[in-house]
Amino acid sequence: MIIPFEACNNNSKSIEYRNDSIWTGLHAPFLPLMVDYQDSIYHVLTRENELYIFPYLWGMKYRNKIYEAIKHPIKVDSSQWKYIVSKENRFIIKQPEIDSIYNGNIDNILSLLGTIEEGIYNFNDEERNYLIYLLFQHQIYLNTNCETGMYVIESKP
């Protein structure tokens, strides 16, 4: 099984390159976006390697450019919308319990990543999506380790 190993192994690039560059490989960091579909705004969770479905973002190779570009909703057509809704647990919904922990302090959220019991995090998919969204607001990119499933910070300011 060489493919999973290759997906995890990115040692051909320097750490500095990896921290600032968009990943197009199999195992890419999460990327929360705002999309505008039929005059409604939705917060959705994608991964960097799915940017190809958004022509507006084609050609962007660095995270600082993406971060600036997605501060505003991206208009999507029906085919892009179909792709988004075809994936499970894509939508980001405000989570009051996470907000009460967050309380404006990103360190409170970072501590949740260490809260694991028997290999399982103590939050559901909707809470995870919102957690990733909040981290991203502070330019902290989260990924999953493809061998352990644990969340790892790919880069932060």
Protein backbone atom coordinates (compact mmCIF):
# COMPACT_ATOMS: atom_id res chain seq x y z
CA MET A 1 0.00 0.00 0.00
CA ILE A 2 2.19 2.83 -1.21
CA ILE A 3 -0.63 5.29 -1.93
CA PRO A 4 -1.58 6.04 1.72
CA PHE A 5 2.09 6.42 2.62
CA GLU A 6 2.61 8.84 -0.23
CA ALA A 7 -0.47 10.79 0.83
CA CYS A 8 1.04 11.29 4.28
CA ASN A 9 4.62 11.75 3.19
CA ASN A 10 5.39 15.22 1.92
CA ASN A 11 9.08 15.35 2.80
CA SER A 12 10.12 16.60 -0.63
CA LYS A 13 9.02 20.12 0.32
CA SER A 14 10.44 22.30 3.03
CA ILE A 15 8.37 23.07 6.13
CA GLU A 16 8.23 26.75 5.13
CA TYR A 17 6.84 25.85 1.69
CA ARG A 18 4.26 23.48 3.18
CA ASN A 19 3.06 25.99 5.77
CA ASP A 20 2.22 28.68 3.22
CA SER A 21 1.34 26.71 0.08
CA ILE A 22 -2.01 25.25 -0.94
CA TRP A 23 -1.98 21.46 -0.90
CA THR A 24 -3.41 19.78 -3.96
CA GLY A 25 -2.63 16.24 -2.89
CA LEU A 26 -4.85 13.60 -1.43
CA HIS A 27 -4.72 14.67 2.21
CA ALA A 28 -5.25 18.44 2.32
CA PRO A 29 -6.12 20.82 5.20
CA PHE A 30 -9.67 21.97 5.85
CA LEU A 31 -10.87 25.17 4.26
CA PRO A 32 -14.10 26.86 5.43
CA LEU A 33 -15.78 28.93 2.74
CA MET A 34 -18.81 31.17 2.40
CA VAL A 35 -20.76 30.37 -0.73
CA ASP A 36 -23.58 32.31 -2.30
CA TYR A 37 -26.18 30.08 -3.92
CA GLN A 38 -29.45 31.53 -5.16
CA ASP A 39 -28.99 34.68 -3.06
CA SER A 40 -28.45 32.76 0.19
CA ILE A 41 -25.13 32.59 2.01
CA TYR A 42 -23.93 29.25 3.39
CA HIS A 43 -20.82 28.43 5.38
CA VAL A 44 -19.36 25.16 4.13
CA LEU A 45 -16.32 23.08 4.94
CA THR A 46 -14.10 21.96 2.08
CA ARG A 47 -10.48 20.92 1.78
CA GLU A 48 -7.73 22.76 -0.08
CA ASN A 49 -7.58 20.03 -2.73
CA GLU A 50 -11.21 20.81 -3.68
CA LEU A 51 -10.53 24.36 -4.83
CA TYR A 52 -10.80 23.18 -8.43
CA ILE A 53 -14.61 23.40 -8.17
CA PHE A 54 -14.34 27.17 -7.64
CA PRO A 55 -12.91 28.80 -10.81
CA TYR A 56 -12.57 32.08 -8.88
CA LEU A 57 -9.83 30.45 -6.78
CA TRP A 58 -7.97 28.62 -9.56
CA GLY A 59 -4.35 29.52 -9.73
CA MET A 60 -4.04 30.62 -6.12
CA LYS A 61 -1.08 28.80 -4.68
CA TYR A 62 -0.59 30.40 -1.28
CA ARG A 63 -2.75 30.44 1.82
CA ASN A 64 -2.44 34.16 2.44
CA LYS A 65 -3.97 34.79 -1.00
CA ILE A 66 -6.80 32.33 -0.37
CA TYR A 67 -7.47 33.79 3.06
CA GLU A 68 -7.91 37.24 1.55
CA ALA A 69 -9.96 35.95 -1.41
CA ILE A 70 -12.52 34.11 0.68
CA LYS A 71 -13.39 36.86 3.12
CA HIS A 72 -16.44 37.39 0.92
CA PRO A 73 -18.92 34.80 -0.34
CA ILE A 74 -18.10 32.95 -3.54
CA LYS A 75 -21.01 32.76 -5.98
CA VAL A 76 -21.66 29.15 -7.02
CA ASP A 77 -23.79 27.68 -9.77
CA SER A 78 -26.03 24.60 -9.57
CA SER A 79 -23.27 22.13 -10.51
CA GLN A 80 -20.93 23.48 -7.82
CA TRP A 81 -23.81 23.43 -5.33
CA LYS A 82 -24.57 19.78 -6.22
CA TYR A 83 -20.97 18.90 -5.46
CA ILE A 84 -21.06 20.69 -2.11
CA VAL A 85 -24.28 19.07 -0.92
CA SER A 86 -23.20 15.63 -2.18
CA LYS A 87 -20.58 15.49 0.58
CA GLU A 88 -21.60 14.58 4.11
CA ASN A 89 -21.42 17.07 6.96
CA ARG A 90 -20.34 20.04 4.86
CA PHE A 91 -22.31 22.84 6.48
CA ILE A 92 -20.99 25.03 9.29
CA ILE A 93 -23.59 25.92 11.89
CA LYS A 94 -23.01 28.13 14.91
CA GLN A 95 -22.53 26.01 18.05
CA PRO A 96 -23.43 27.79 21.32
CA GLU A 97 -21.46 25.32 23.47
CA ILE A 98 -18.30 25.87 21.41
CA ASP A 99 -18.89 29.65 21.54
CA SER A 100 -19.12 29.52 25.33
CA ILE A 101 -15.75 27.73 25.46
CA TYR A 102 -14.24 30.01 22.82
CA ASN A 103 -15.32 33.23 24.54
CA GLY A 104 -13.12 35.24 22.15
CA ASN A 105 -9.93 33.40 23.14
CA ILE A 106 -8.52 31.08 20.47
CA ASP A 107 -6.36 29.26 23.03
CA ASN A 108 -9.57 27.89 24.58
CA ILE A 109 -10.44 26.29 21.25
CA LEU A 110 -6.94 24.95 20.70
CA SER A 111 -7.21 23.14 24.03
CA LEU A 112 -10.23 21.21 22.69
CA LEU A 113 -7.97 19.50 20.17
CA GLY A 114 -6.19 17.81 23.06
CA THR A 115 -9.46 16.54 24.56
CA ILE A 116 -9.53 12.96 23.36
CA GLU A 117 -10.86 9.87 25.05
CA GLU A 118 -9.96 6.38 23.81
CA GLY A 119 -9.01 7.79 20.41
CA ILE A 120 -12.28 9.72 20.00
CA TYR A 121 -12.84 13.47 20.26
CA ASN A 122 -15.61 14.69 22.53
CA PHE A 123 -17.39 16.66 19.81
CA ASN A 124 -19.72 15.74 16.96
CA ASP A 125 -19.35 16.61 13.26
CA GLU A 126 -21.25 19.89 13.52
CA GLU A 127 -19.11 21.00 16.48
CA ARG A 128 -15.98 19.92 14.60
CA ASN A 129 -16.97 21.99 11.56
CA TYR A 130 -17.59 25.06 13.70
CA LEU A 131 -14.33 24.52 15.59
CA ILE A 132 -12.43 24.39 12.29
CA TYR A 133 -14.26 27.53 11.15
CA LEU A 134 -13.26 29.45 14.31
CA LEU A 135 -9.64 28.34 14.02
CA PHE A 136 -9.59 29.46 10.40
CA GLN A 137 -10.79 32.93 11.42
CA HIS A 138 -7.45 33.18 13.24
CA GLN A 139 -5.58 31.83 10.17
CA ILE A 140 -4.99 28.45 11.83
CA TYR A 141 -5.23 25.65 9.28
CA LEU A 142 -6.29 22.27 10.59
CA ASN A 143 -5.80 18.87 9.02
CA THR A 144 -6.13 15.25 10.10
CA ASN A 145 -3.22 12.89 10.42
CA CYS A 146 -3.95 10.20 7.87
CA GLU A 147 -2.47 7.46 10.05
CA THR A 148 -4.03 8.31 13.43
CA GLY A 149 -7.04 10.47 12.55
CA MET A 150 -5.90 13.05 15.11
CA TYR A 151 -6.23 16.72 14.24
CA VAL A 152 -2.98 18.56 13.55
CA ILE A 153 -2.29 22.24 13.00
CA GLU A 154 -0.74 22.66 9.57
CA SER A 155 0.06 26.33 9.93
CA LYS A 156 -0.74 29.35 12.00
CA PRO A 157 0.40 32.97 12.00
